[in-house]
Amino acid sequence: MGKFDAESKKYVNMKHIFADAFNYLMHDGKQVIQPDQLFPVDTTEIAVLYGNGARTPVQKYRDSL
């Protein structure tokens, strides 16, 4: 998974690639999502677990948002 996964994440993080892919998949190719309207988002999520004895927050990562 490693190298291929990293390369595919870099590829999808290009605004024009992301916009083209999602316009094709979700909008039948109609240009609804514009690359200049996209911006990066921090992909880390903090989850604090209560009620199970956890004393420290758990940090989780997503691929791309």
C-alpha atoms as a PDB file:
ATOM      1  CA  MET A   1       0.000   0.000   0.000  1.00  0.00           C
ATOM      2  CA  GLY A   2       2.684   2.544   1.029  1.00  0.00           C
ATOM      3  CA  LYS A   3       4.166   4.150  -2.094  1.00  0.00           C
ATOM      4  CA  PHE A   4       1.078   3.701  -4.290  1.00  0.00           C
ATOM      5  CA  ASP A   5      -1.137   5.139  -1.555  1.00  0.00           C
ATOM      6  CA  ALA A   6       1.116   8.193  -1.098  1.00  0.00           C
ATOM      7  CA  GLU A   7       1.251   8.845  -4.854  1.00  0.00           C
ATOM      8  CA  SER A   8      -2.526   8.549  -5.258  1.00  0.00           C
ATOM      9  CA  LYS A   9      -3.068  10.981  -2.348  1.00  0.00           C
ATOM     10  CA  LYS A  10      -0.709  13.496  -3.986  1.00  0.00           C
ATOM     11  CA  TYR A  11      -2.570  13.076  -7.279  1.00  0.00           C
ATOM     12  CA  VAL A  12      -6.039  13.588  -5.778  1.00  0.00           C
ATOM     13  CA  ASN A  13      -4.828  16.608  -3.787  1.00  0.00           C
ATOM     14  CA  MET A  14      -4.300  18.513  -7.060  1.00  0.00           C
ATOM     15  CA  LYS A  15      -7.317  20.818  -7.250  1.00  0.00           C
ATOM     16  CA  HIS A  16      -8.023  20.393 -10.957  1.00  0.00           C
ATOM     17  CA  ILE A  17      -7.786  16.584 -10.719  1.00  0.00           C
ATOM     18  CA  PHE A  18     -10.108  16.463  -7.715  1.00  0.00           C
ATOM     19  CA  ALA A  19     -12.633  18.781  -9.379  1.00  0.00           C
ATOM     20  CA  ASP A  20     -12.588  16.831 -12.666  1.00  0.00           C
ATOM     21  CA  ALA A  21     -12.990  13.476 -10.919  1.00  0.00           C
ATOM     22  CA  PHE A  22     -15.889  14.548  -8.739  1.00  0.00           C
ATOM     23  CA  ASN A  23     -17.606  16.481 -11.512  1.00  0.00           C
ATOM     24  CA  TYR A  24     -17.465  13.332 -13.632  1.00  0.00           C
ATOM     25  CA  LEU A  25     -18.592  10.965 -10.869  1.00  0.00           C
ATOM     26  CA  MET A  26     -21.238  13.089  -9.163  1.00  0.00           C
ATOM     27  CA  HIS A  27     -22.431  15.580 -11.775  1.00  0.00           C
ATOM     28  CA  ASP A  28     -22.209  13.612 -15.053  1.00  0.00           C
ATOM     29  CA  GLY A  29     -19.266  15.730 -16.201  1.00  0.00           C
ATOM     30  CA  LYS A  30     -21.012  19.080 -15.671  1.00  0.00           C
ATOM     31  CA  GLN A  31     -18.535  21.642 -14.284  1.00  0.00           C
ATOM     32  CA  VAL A  32     -20.182  22.190 -10.871  1.00  0.00           C
ATOM     33  CA  ILE A  33     -17.055  21.983  -8.693  1.00  0.00           C
ATOM     34  CA  GLN A  34     -14.503  24.640  -9.684  1.00  0.00           C
ATOM     35  CA  PRO A  35     -10.818  24.072  -8.798  1.00  0.00           C
ATOM     36  CA  ASP A  36     -10.366  27.699  -7.682  1.00  0.00           C
ATOM     37  CA  GLN A  37     -13.102  27.225  -5.055  1.00  0.00           C
ATOM     38  CA  LEU A  38     -11.317  24.313  -3.379  1.00  0.00           C
ATOM     39  CA  PHE A  39      -9.013  24.654  -0.382  1.00  0.00           C
ATOM     40  CA  PRO A  40      -7.066  22.187   1.786  1.00  0.00           C
ATOM     41  CA  VAL A  41      -8.471  21.072   5.124  1.00  0.00           C
ATOM     42  CA  ASP A  42      -6.568  19.602   8.056  1.00  0.00           C
ATOM     43  CA  THR A  43      -7.151  15.849   7.867  1.00  0.00           C
ATOM     44  CA  THR A  44      -6.553  15.075  11.540  1.00  0.00           C
ATOM     45  CA  GLU A  45      -9.473  14.421  13.791  1.00  0.00           C
ATOM     46  CA  ILE A  46      -9.407  14.427  17.558  1.00  0.00           C
ATOM     47  CA  ALA A  47     -11.675  11.954  19.287  1.00  0.00           C
ATOM     48  CA  VAL A  48     -11.951  12.116  23.058  1.00  0.00           C
ATOM     49  CA  LEU A  49     -13.434   8.934  24.399  1.00  0.00           C
ATOM     50  CA  TYR A  50     -15.561   9.172  27.523  1.00  0.00           C
ATOM     51  CA  GLY A  51     -16.927   6.423  29.737  1.00  0.00           C
ATOM     52  CA  ASN A  52     -14.403   3.720  28.897  1.00  0.00           C
ATOM     53  CA  GLY A  53     -11.579   4.784  31.184  1.00  0.00           C
ATOM     54  CA  ALA A  54      -9.622   6.670  28.514  1.00  0.00           C
ATOM     55  CA  ARG A  55      -7.541   9.470  29.997  1.00  0.00           C
ATOM     56  CA  THR A  56      -5.937  10.900  26.872  1.00  0.00           C
ATOM     57  CA  PRO A  57      -7.478  12.013  23.586  1.00  0.00           C
ATOM     58  CA  VAL A  58      -7.083   9.729  20.585  1.00  0.00           C
ATOM     59  CA  GLN A  59      -5.945  11.346  17.342  1.00  0.00           C
ATOM     60  CA  LYS A  60      -7.149   9.835  14.073  1.00  0.00           C
ATOM     61  CA  TYR A  61      -6.198  10.677  10.496  1.00  0.00           C
ATOM     62  CA  ARG A  62      -8.282  10.749   7.321  1.00  0.00           C
ATOM     63  CA  ASP A  63      -6.838  10.462   3.820  1.00  0.00           C
ATOM     64  CA  SER A  64      -8.263  13.581   2.166  1.00  0.00           C
ATOM     65  CA  LEU A  65     -11.145  15.913   2.833  1.00  0.00           C
END
